[in-house]
Protein backbone atom coordinates (compact mmCIF):
# COMPACT_ATOMS: atom_id res chain seq x y z
CA MET A 1 -1.67 -0.87 -34.05
CA GLU A 2 -2.71 2.53 -32.77
CA ASN A 3 -5.81 3.01 -30.63
CA LYS A 4 -8.62 3.52 -33.14
CA ASN A 5 -10.30 5.97 -30.76
CA SER A 6 -7.32 8.34 -30.82
CA LYS A 7 -8.28 11.76 -32.17
CA VAL A 8 -6.16 13.00 -35.07
CA LEU A 9 -5.86 16.53 -36.46
CA ILE A 10 -4.45 17.03 -39.96
CA VAL A 11 -3.43 20.59 -40.77
CA ASP A 12 -2.72 21.39 -44.41
CA ASP A 13 -4.21 23.79 -46.95
CA HIS A 14 -4.16 21.18 -49.73
CA LYS A 15 -7.26 19.00 -49.50
CA LEU A 16 -5.86 16.22 -51.69
CA PHE A 17 -2.86 15.81 -49.39
CA THR A 18 -5.10 15.82 -46.31
CA GLU A 19 -7.31 13.09 -47.77
CA GLY A 20 -4.22 11.04 -48.65
CA LEU A 21 -2.96 11.20 -45.07
CA LYS A 22 -6.35 10.11 -43.79
CA LEU A 23 -6.31 7.04 -46.00
CA ILE A 24 -2.82 6.07 -44.83
CA LEU A 25 -3.71 6.41 -41.16
CA GLN A 26 -7.01 4.59 -41.58
CA SER A 27 -5.60 1.64 -43.49
CA GLU A 28 -2.27 1.23 -41.70
CA LEU A 29 -3.09 2.20 -38.11
CA ASN A 30 -6.86 1.77 -37.98
CA LEU A 31 -7.35 5.36 -36.85
CA LYS A 32 -10.92 6.55 -37.25
CA THR A 33 -11.52 9.97 -35.68
CA PHE A 34 -10.20 12.78 -37.87
CA PHE A 35 -10.42 16.56 -37.75
CA THR A 36 -8.92 18.88 -40.36
CA ALA A 37 -7.75 22.48 -40.44
CA THR A 38 -6.33 24.63 -43.23
CA THR A 39 -4.67 27.41 -41.20
CA GLY A 40 -2.38 27.56 -38.19
CA LYS A 41 -4.91 29.69 -36.32
CA GLU A 42 -7.68 27.16 -36.89
CA ALA A 43 -5.34 24.35 -35.77
CA VAL A 44 -4.62 26.05 -32.44
CA GLU A 45 -8.30 26.72 -31.79
CA LEU A 46 -9.27 23.11 -32.55
CA ALA A 47 -6.37 21.66 -30.54
CA LEU A 48 -7.27 23.63 -27.42
CA LYS A 49 -10.86 22.45 -27.69
CA GLU A 50 -10.43 18.79 -28.66
CA LYS A 51 -7.09 17.78 -27.04
CA PHE A 52 -5.79 15.61 -29.91
CA GLU A 53 -3.40 12.73 -29.40
CA TRP A 54 -1.86 13.15 -32.86
CA ILE A 55 -1.43 16.32 -34.94
CA LEU A 56 0.11 16.12 -38.43
CA MET A 57 0.88 19.58 -39.69
CA ASP A 58 2.57 21.47 -42.51
CA VAL A 59 5.05 24.25 -41.76
CA ASN A 60 3.81 26.67 -44.41
CA LEU A 61 0.25 27.58 -43.40
CA PRO A 62 -1.96 30.67 -43.88
CA LEU A 63 -2.66 33.15 -41.05
CA MET A 64 -0.25 31.49 -38.60
CA ASP A 65 2.73 29.34 -39.60
CA GLY A 66 2.95 25.77 -38.38
CA ILE A 67 5.94 26.30 -36.11
CA TYR A 68 4.27 29.12 -34.19
CA ALA A 69 1.07 27.05 -34.02
CA CYS A 70 3.07 24.09 -32.70
CA GLY A 71 4.49 26.20 -29.88
CA GLU A 72 1.04 27.49 -28.93
CA ILE A 73 -0.46 24.01 -28.92
CA LYS A 74 2.38 22.52 -26.87
CA ARG A 75 2.07 25.28 -24.26
CA HIS A 76 -1.50 24.22 -23.53
CA CYS A 77 -1.62 20.59 -24.69
CA SER A 78 1.77 19.11 -23.88
CA ASN A 79 0.52 15.54 -24.38
CA SER A 80 -0.40 16.13 -28.02
CA LYS A 81 2.15 14.57 -30.37
CA ILE A 82 2.94 16.94 -33.25
CA LEU A 83 4.43 15.59 -36.47
CA PHE A 84 5.47 18.06 -39.16
CA VAL A 85 5.01 16.85 -42.73
CA SER A 86 6.74 19.42 -44.91
CA MET A 87 8.69 20.12 -48.07
CA PHE A 88 11.18 22.32 -46.18
CA ALA A 89 14.43 20.50 -45.39
CA ASP A 90 16.71 23.29 -44.16
CA ILE A 91 18.44 23.18 -40.78
CA ALA A 92 16.85 26.39 -39.51
CA THR A 93 13.28 25.25 -40.16
CA ILE A 94 13.86 21.79 -38.68
CA GLY A 95 15.62 23.26 -35.65
CA ASN A 96 12.84 25.76 -35.03
CA ALA A 97 10.22 23.02 -35.35
CA LEU A 98 11.99 20.86 -32.78
CA LYS A 99 12.45 23.78 -30.41
CA ALA A 100 8.74 24.54 -30.69
CA GLY A 101 8.07 21.03 -29.40
CA ALA A 102 7.63 18.93 -32.54
CA ASN A 103 7.93 15.18 -32.01
CA ALA A 104 8.76 14.38 -35.63
CA TYR A 105 9.76 16.02 -38.89
CA ILE A 106 8.84 14.13 -42.06
CA LEU A 107 9.55 15.12 -45.65
CA LYS A 108 6.46 15.33 -47.88
CA GLY A 109 8.14 13.59 -50.78
CA ASN A 110 8.57 10.37 -48.80
CA GLY A 111 6.20 7.42 -48.87
CA PRO A 112 3.59 6.26 -46.35
CA ASP A 113 6.16 4.12 -44.51
CA ASP A 114 7.76 7.30 -43.14
CA ILE A 115 4.48 8.38 -41.55
CA ILE A 116 3.88 4.95 -40.00
CA GLU A 117 7.44 4.67 -38.69
CA ALA A 118 7.28 8.20 -37.27
CA ILE A 119 4.12 7.47 -35.28
CA LYS A 120 5.60 4.25 -33.89
CA GLU A 121 8.84 5.97 -32.91
CA VAL A 122 7.09 8.94 -31.31
CA LYS A 123 4.75 6.63 -29.41
CA SER A 124 7.80 4.95 -27.87
CA GLY A 125 9.09 8.32 -26.66
CA LYS A 126 11.58 9.09 -29.43
CA ILE A 127 12.08 12.03 -31.78
CA PHE A 128 11.72 11.02 -35.43
CA LEU A 129 13.36 12.57 -38.49
CA SER A 130 13.10 11.34 -42.07
CA GLU A 131 16.16 9.35 -43.08
CA GLN A 132 17.45 12.07 -45.42
CA LEU A 133 17.43 14.54 -42.53
CA ARG A 134 19.20 12.17 -40.16
CA ALA A 135 21.81 11.59 -42.85
CA PHE A 136 22.23 15.33 -43.24
CA PHE A 137 23.31 15.63 -39.62
CA ILE A 138 25.04 12.33 -39.03
CA SER A 139 26.76 9.52 -40.92
CA SER A 140 26.60 11.06 -44.41
CA ASN A 141 30.02 12.64 -44.14
CA PRO A 142 33.11 10.40 -44.13
CA ASN A 143 34.90 13.04 -42.05
CA GLU A 144 34.40 11.89 -38.44
CA LYS A 145 35.19 15.32 -37.01
CA GLN A 146 32.54 16.90 -39.22
CA ASN A 147 30.06 14.18 -38.26
CA ALA A 148 30.68 14.92 -34.59
CA GLU A 149 30.16 18.64 -35.12
CA ASN A 150 26.95 17.98 -37.07
CA TYR A 151 25.68 15.73 -34.28
CA ILE A 152 26.36 18.40 -31.66
CA THR A 153 24.56 21.00 -33.79
CA PHE A 154 21.64 18.63 -34.24
CA SER A 155 21.51 17.85 -30.51
CA LYS A 156 21.38 21.53 -29.61
CA HIS A 157 18.35 21.95 -31.85
CA LEU A 158 16.59 19.15 -29.97
CA ILE A 159 16.79 20.90 -26.60
CA THR A 160 14.06 23.44 -25.91
CA GLU A 161 14.71 26.74 -24.15
CA ARG A 162 13.03 25.49 -20.95
CA GLU A 163 15.07 22.28 -21.02
CA GLN A 164 18.21 24.36 -21.49
CA ASN A 165 17.32 26.35 -18.36
CA VAL A 166 16.91 23.11 -16.42
CA LEU A 167 20.15 21.73 -17.88
CA LYS A 168 22.12 24.80 -16.77
CA LEU A 169 20.93 24.36 -13.18
CA ILE A 170 21.62 20.61 -13.27
CA CYS A 171 25.18 21.38 -14.36
CA GLU A 172 25.47 23.79 -11.43
CA GLY A 173 24.72 20.88 -9.12
CA LEU A 174 21.24 21.90 -7.98
CA THR A 175 18.76 19.25 -6.83
CA ASN A 176 15.40 18.75 -8.52
CA GLU A 177 13.73 20.49 -5.58
CA LYS A 178 16.00 23.54 -5.85
CA ILE A 179 15.62 23.72 -9.65
CA ALA A 180 11.84 23.61 -9.23
CA GLU A 181 12.04 26.49 -6.76
CA VAL A 182 14.29 28.62 -8.98
CA LEU A 183 12.18 28.10 -12.13
CA ALA A 184 8.83 28.14 -10.31
CA ILE A 185 7.80 24.74 -11.66
CA SER A 186 7.01 21.43 -10.01
CA VAL A 187 9.63 18.83 -9.10
CA ARG A 188 7.82 16.40 -11.39
CA THR A 189 8.19 18.84 -14.31
CA VAL A 190 11.92 19.15 -13.62
CA ASP A 191 12.24 15.37 -13.67
CA THR A 192 10.25 15.21 -16.93
CA HIS A 193 12.60 17.74 -18.57
CA ARG A 194 15.61 15.74 -17.39
CA THR A 195 14.17 12.49 -18.72
CA ASN A 196 13.26 14.10 -22.06
CA MET A 197 16.82 15.37 -22.51
CA LEU A 198 18.29 11.95 -21.76
CA THR A 199 15.92 10.40 -24.31
CA LYS A 200 16.58 13.00 -27.02
CA LEU A 201 20.36 12.83 -26.61
CA LYS A 202 20.40 9.03 -26.10
CA LEU A 203 22.38 9.36 -22.87
CA PRO A 204 22.19 6.80 -20.02
CA ASN A 205 22.18 9.00 -16.91
CA THR A 206 22.45 12.50 -15.46
CA ALA A 207 26.22 12.33 -15.09
CA SER A 208 26.64 11.69 -18.82
CA LEU A 209 24.16 14.49 -19.55
CA VAL A 210 26.21 16.97 -17.50
CA ARG A 211 29.46 15.85 -19.10
CA PHE A 212 28.00 16.08 -22.62
CA ALA A 213 26.56 19.55 -21.94
CA ILE A 214 29.80 20.96 -20.55
CA GLU A 215 32.11 19.36 -23.13
CA ASN A 216 29.98 20.62 -26.03
CA LYS A 217 29.18 24.07 -24.62
CA PHE A 218 25.42 23.56 -24.35
CA ILE A 219 25.25 26.07 -21.52
């Protein structure tokens, strides 16, 4: 069960959908504190002020699209977990959402179970995609070579630009301290980026991360 005091922001310009999400989160996770926004601009303004734990957001929003809003929120509120709930299921949109920092991408046509599972997965540090989207990238094609290529494409979409910069320097053999110096960030931030990449790619250690990056031309 989620902490009932967690603050939740729902961003969608359809009131009926917003109210439906509220009911799901109230009944299934006992969440109580809700804010709503109908535009990307309003979402950013509220997020910077309230520091939400959970943000559920559509991609297609007035004034500022959800993906741009996600990037803005993550720049200032990196601890906020952003879950896209959208009708768009194309690779470009999903990839851009993940690069902007999204923690989950859920299809609107799916049932409440998808929302609940996504929050549980994200809380445990994982990236969540609706089953249809996972199947699109992996395991739906009997051709193993094509599955491998799809997985590599999917993995590249998971890695943000900043993580890619860190990955390049890791592959060059630089220490955390040296990477921090080169990128003008803290050693702790470098370590966080490294850990996030291992989690996203489901790799056990830095050596496997370097090997995977080089073999699949990530850098």
